[in-house]
Amino acid sequence: MTTLWTDFETRSECDLPRHAPVARVDPPAGPVPPSHRTHLGLRMLNRIELIGHLGRDPETRLLPDGAQVVTMTVATTEKWKDKSTGERQEATEWHRCQVWGPLAGVAESYLRKGSLVYLSGSLRTRTWTDRDDVERRITEIRVDELRMLDRKGERNAATSSPAAASTTPPPKTSQSSIDDLHDDIPF
């Protein structure tokens, strides 16, 4: 059995296979603007969510209009066991991210190389011509939500020098330190 549905662009009925989940929707009156044209009645989605480590310290720029932009690279690593050889495999992807507005100030102040972050945003592609008249293109993530996932002590170690980090004793895992951890949570 097939389900009939109306294609908003052509205003014609189409047959779909039985497995296609479609609800019948009456087309709006008049022409359909391009922003409302959708596939099977669904809107488009441009959403990215990542959890990863910063590859280097964030870079901050001030634009002529006074807006602050922070650019950072985030590494996400996927690990798996190869079925044929039994060896552990690993693949790392690097993501270029831009943070704008008040969130950029937070990223500049608190994030350092190695910081563990959750970020959410959308993909943006920029095109420009370089000095040699070669057209360049880059896809970046425009971040609109940022969460720092490091614990307080780990974040301080990331901001200090490597020599100072190596002399810091490891944290104790007693019941009192767990209670102290709950005191640091702001909610």
Protein backbone atom coordinates (compact mmCIF):
# COMPACT_ATOMS: atom_id res chain seq x y z
CA MET A 1 0.00 0.00 0.00
CA THR A 2 1.28 3.47 -0.83
CA THR A 3 0.51 6.81 0.74
CA LEU A 4 -0.37 9.81 -1.38
CA TRP A 5 1.06 13.16 -0.46
CA THR A 6 1.16 16.55 -2.14
CA ASP A 7 4.44 18.06 -3.30
CA PHE A 8 4.26 21.73 -2.32
CA GLU A 9 6.55 22.89 -5.14
CA THR A 10 4.76 21.22 -8.04
CA ARG A 11 1.34 20.88 -6.38
CA SER A 12 1.13 17.33 -7.69
CA GLU A 13 0.40 14.11 -5.82
CA CYS A 14 3.24 11.61 -5.47
CA ASP A 15 3.33 7.92 -4.60
CA LEU A 16 5.66 6.84 -1.81
CA PRO A 17 6.63 3.35 -0.72
CA ARG A 18 4.86 1.91 2.32
CA HIS A 19 7.89 2.37 4.61
CA ALA A 20 8.07 6.15 4.11
CA PRO A 21 6.49 7.84 7.16
CA VAL A 22 4.40 10.65 5.70
CA ALA A 23 1.49 12.62 7.05
CA ARG A 24 -0.93 14.14 4.60
CA VAL A 25 -0.78 17.91 4.68
CA ASP A 26 -2.89 20.26 2.61
CA PRO A 27 -0.77 22.72 0.64
CA PRO A 28 -0.97 26.39 1.64
CA ALA A 29 -2.90 28.75 -0.58
CA GLY A 30 -0.85 30.74 -3.07
CA PRO A 31 2.80 30.31 -4.07
CA VAL A 32 5.16 28.66 -1.62
CA PRO A 33 8.20 30.83 -0.74
CA PRO A 34 11.61 29.10 -1.09
CA SER A 35 12.18 29.28 2.67
CA HIS A 36 9.14 27.04 3.20
CA ARG A 37 9.99 24.43 0.58
CA THR A 38 10.86 21.25 2.34
CA HIS A 39 11.36 17.57 1.63
CA LEU A 40 8.44 15.49 2.89
CA GLY A 41 7.18 18.41 4.95
CA LEU A 42 10.30 18.59 7.16
CA ARG A 43 12.47 21.65 7.72
CA MET A 44 16.20 21.46 7.15
CA LEU A 45 18.61 21.05 10.07
CA ASN A 46 22.17 22.35 10.39
CA ARG A 47 23.26 21.29 13.89
CA ILE A 48 26.61 20.06 15.21
CA GLU A 49 27.41 18.71 18.69
CA LEU A 50 30.95 17.82 19.72
CA ILE A 51 32.81 16.72 22.81
CA GLY A 52 36.57 17.04 22.42
CA HIS A 53 39.83 18.58 23.52
CA LEU A 54 41.22 21.93 22.35
CA GLY A 55 44.28 21.45 20.16
CA ARG A 56 45.81 24.83 21.07
CA ASP A 57 44.99 27.93 23.06
CA PRO A 58 42.02 29.88 21.65
CA GLU A 59 42.89 32.85 19.40
CA THR A 60 40.98 36.07 20.02
CA ARG A 61 40.29 38.85 17.50
CA LEU A 62 38.44 42.11 17.82
CA LEU A 63 36.53 43.19 14.72
CA PRO A 64 36.31 46.86 13.65
CA ASP A 65 32.75 47.06 15.02
CA GLY A 66 34.01 45.94 18.45
CA ALA A 67 32.72 42.37 18.27
CA GLN A 68 34.95 39.71 19.80
CA VAL A 69 35.60 36.44 17.92
CA VAL A 70 37.45 33.45 19.38
CA THR A 71 38.76 30.79 17.02
CA MET A 72 39.75 27.39 18.34
CA THR A 73 40.42 23.88 17.07
CA VAL A 74 38.75 20.92 18.74
CA ALA A 75 39.90 17.32 18.32
CA THR A 76 37.46 14.43 18.52
CA THR A 77 38.93 10.94 18.67
CA GLU A 78 37.15 7.74 17.79
CA LYS A 79 38.58 4.49 19.14
CA TRP A 80 37.68 0.95 18.12
CA LYS A 81 39.05 -2.56 18.00
CA ASP A 82 39.83 -3.90 14.53
CA LYS A 83 37.85 -7.12 14.06
CA SER A 84 40.33 -8.74 11.69
CA THR A 85 43.58 -8.04 13.59
CA GLY A 86 42.27 -7.46 17.11
CA GLU A 87 44.38 -4.28 17.40
CA ARG A 88 43.07 -1.06 18.86
CA GLN A 89 42.55 1.63 16.20
CA GLU A 90 42.15 5.37 16.60
CA ALA A 91 41.12 8.20 14.27
CA THR A 92 41.18 11.90 15.19
CA GLU A 93 39.16 14.58 13.43
CA TRP A 94 40.00 18.28 13.82
CA HIS A 95 37.22 20.87 13.84
CA ARG A 96 37.72 24.61 13.43
CA CYS A 97 35.27 26.49 15.64
CA GLN A 98 34.34 30.16 16.05
CA VAL A 99 32.71 31.63 19.15
CA TRP A 100 31.07 35.08 18.95
CA GLY A 101 29.72 37.61 21.42
CA PRO A 102 29.67 37.18 25.21
CA LEU A 103 30.42 33.47 24.90
CA ALA A 104 33.73 34.43 23.23
CA GLY A 105 34.82 36.17 26.43
CA VAL A 106 34.14 33.01 28.42
CA ALA A 107 36.12 30.91 25.93
CA GLU A 108 39.04 33.36 26.01
CA SER A 109 39.14 33.50 29.81
CA TYR A 110 38.71 29.86 30.76
CA LEU A 111 39.76 27.60 27.87
CA ARG A 112 43.33 26.47 27.20
CA LYS A 113 45.05 23.83 25.11
CA GLY A 114 43.83 20.40 26.25
CA SER A 115 40.57 21.67 27.80
CA LEU A 116 37.68 19.23 27.44
CA VAL A 117 34.61 20.97 26.03
CA TYR A 118 31.10 20.29 24.81
CA LEU A 119 30.01 22.60 22.04
CA SER A 120 26.95 22.93 19.91
CA GLY A 121 26.43 25.06 16.84
CA SER A 122 26.00 25.07 13.09
CA LEU A 123 28.26 24.62 10.07
CA ARG A 124 29.29 27.73 8.13
CA THR A 125 31.34 27.75 4.93
CA ARG A 126 33.38 30.80 3.94
CA THR A 127 34.97 31.43 0.55
CA TRP A 128 37.70 33.97 -0.20
CA THR A 129 40.45 34.67 -2.72
CA ASP A 130 44.02 34.64 -1.40
CA ARG A 131 46.99 36.79 -2.53
CA ASP A 132 47.75 34.39 -5.41
CA ASP A 133 44.17 34.69 -6.75
CA VAL A 134 43.36 31.16 -5.64
CA GLU A 135 39.85 30.70 -4.34
CA ARG A 136 39.91 29.18 -0.85
CA ARG A 137 37.09 27.62 1.09
CA ILE A 138 36.79 26.63 4.74
CA THR A 139 34.00 25.05 6.76
CA GLU A 140 33.78 26.05 10.42
CA ILE A 141 31.46 25.47 13.32
CA ARG A 142 29.77 28.60 14.62
CA VAL A 143 29.35 27.82 18.31
CA ASP A 144 26.21 28.96 20.11
CA GLU A 145 26.52 26.72 23.20
CA LEU A 146 29.71 25.94 25.07
CA ARG A 147 30.22 23.87 28.23
CA MET A 148 33.51 23.31 29.97
CA LEU A 149 33.75 19.65 31.01
CA ASP A 150 37.06 19.80 32.87
CA ARG A 151 36.96 19.56 36.62
CA LYS A 152 38.19 22.63 38.47
CA GLY A 153 41.62 21.15 39.28
CA GLU A 154 42.11 19.85 35.73
CA ARG A 155 41.33 23.28 34.27
CA ASN A 156 43.93 24.93 36.53
CA ALA A 157 46.53 22.35 35.47
CA ALA A 158 45.82 23.12 31.82
CA THR A 159 46.50 26.83 32.35
CA SER A 160 49.78 26.30 34.19
CA SER A 161 53.12 25.44 32.67
CA PRO A 162 54.00 21.77 31.99
CA ALA A 163 56.71 21.86 34.67
CA ALA A 164 54.29 23.13 37.31
CA ALA A 165 51.69 20.55 36.28
CA SER A 166 54.17 17.69 36.75
CA THR A 167 55.03 18.78 40.31
CA THR A 168 51.39 19.00 41.40
CA PRO A 169 50.44 15.97 43.49
CA PRO A 170 47.53 13.85 42.25
CA PRO A 171 44.18 14.63 43.87
CA LYS A 172 43.09 12.43 46.77
CA THR A 173 39.96 10.38 46.30
CA SER A 174 38.49 10.43 49.78
CA GLN A 175 34.89 11.00 50.80
CA SER A 176 35.71 14.56 51.90
CA SER A 177 37.06 15.46 48.44
CA ILE A 178 33.89 14.10 46.84
CA ASP A 179 31.83 16.26 49.20
CA ASP A 180 34.01 19.25 48.28
CA LEU A 181 33.32 18.56 44.60
CA HIS A 182 29.58 18.90 45.21
CA ASP A 183 30.20 22.24 46.94
CA ASP A 184 31.87 23.55 43.75
CA ILE A 185 28.89 22.80 41.52
CA PRO A 186 26.96 26.06 40.99
CA PHE A 187 23.51 24.47 40.68
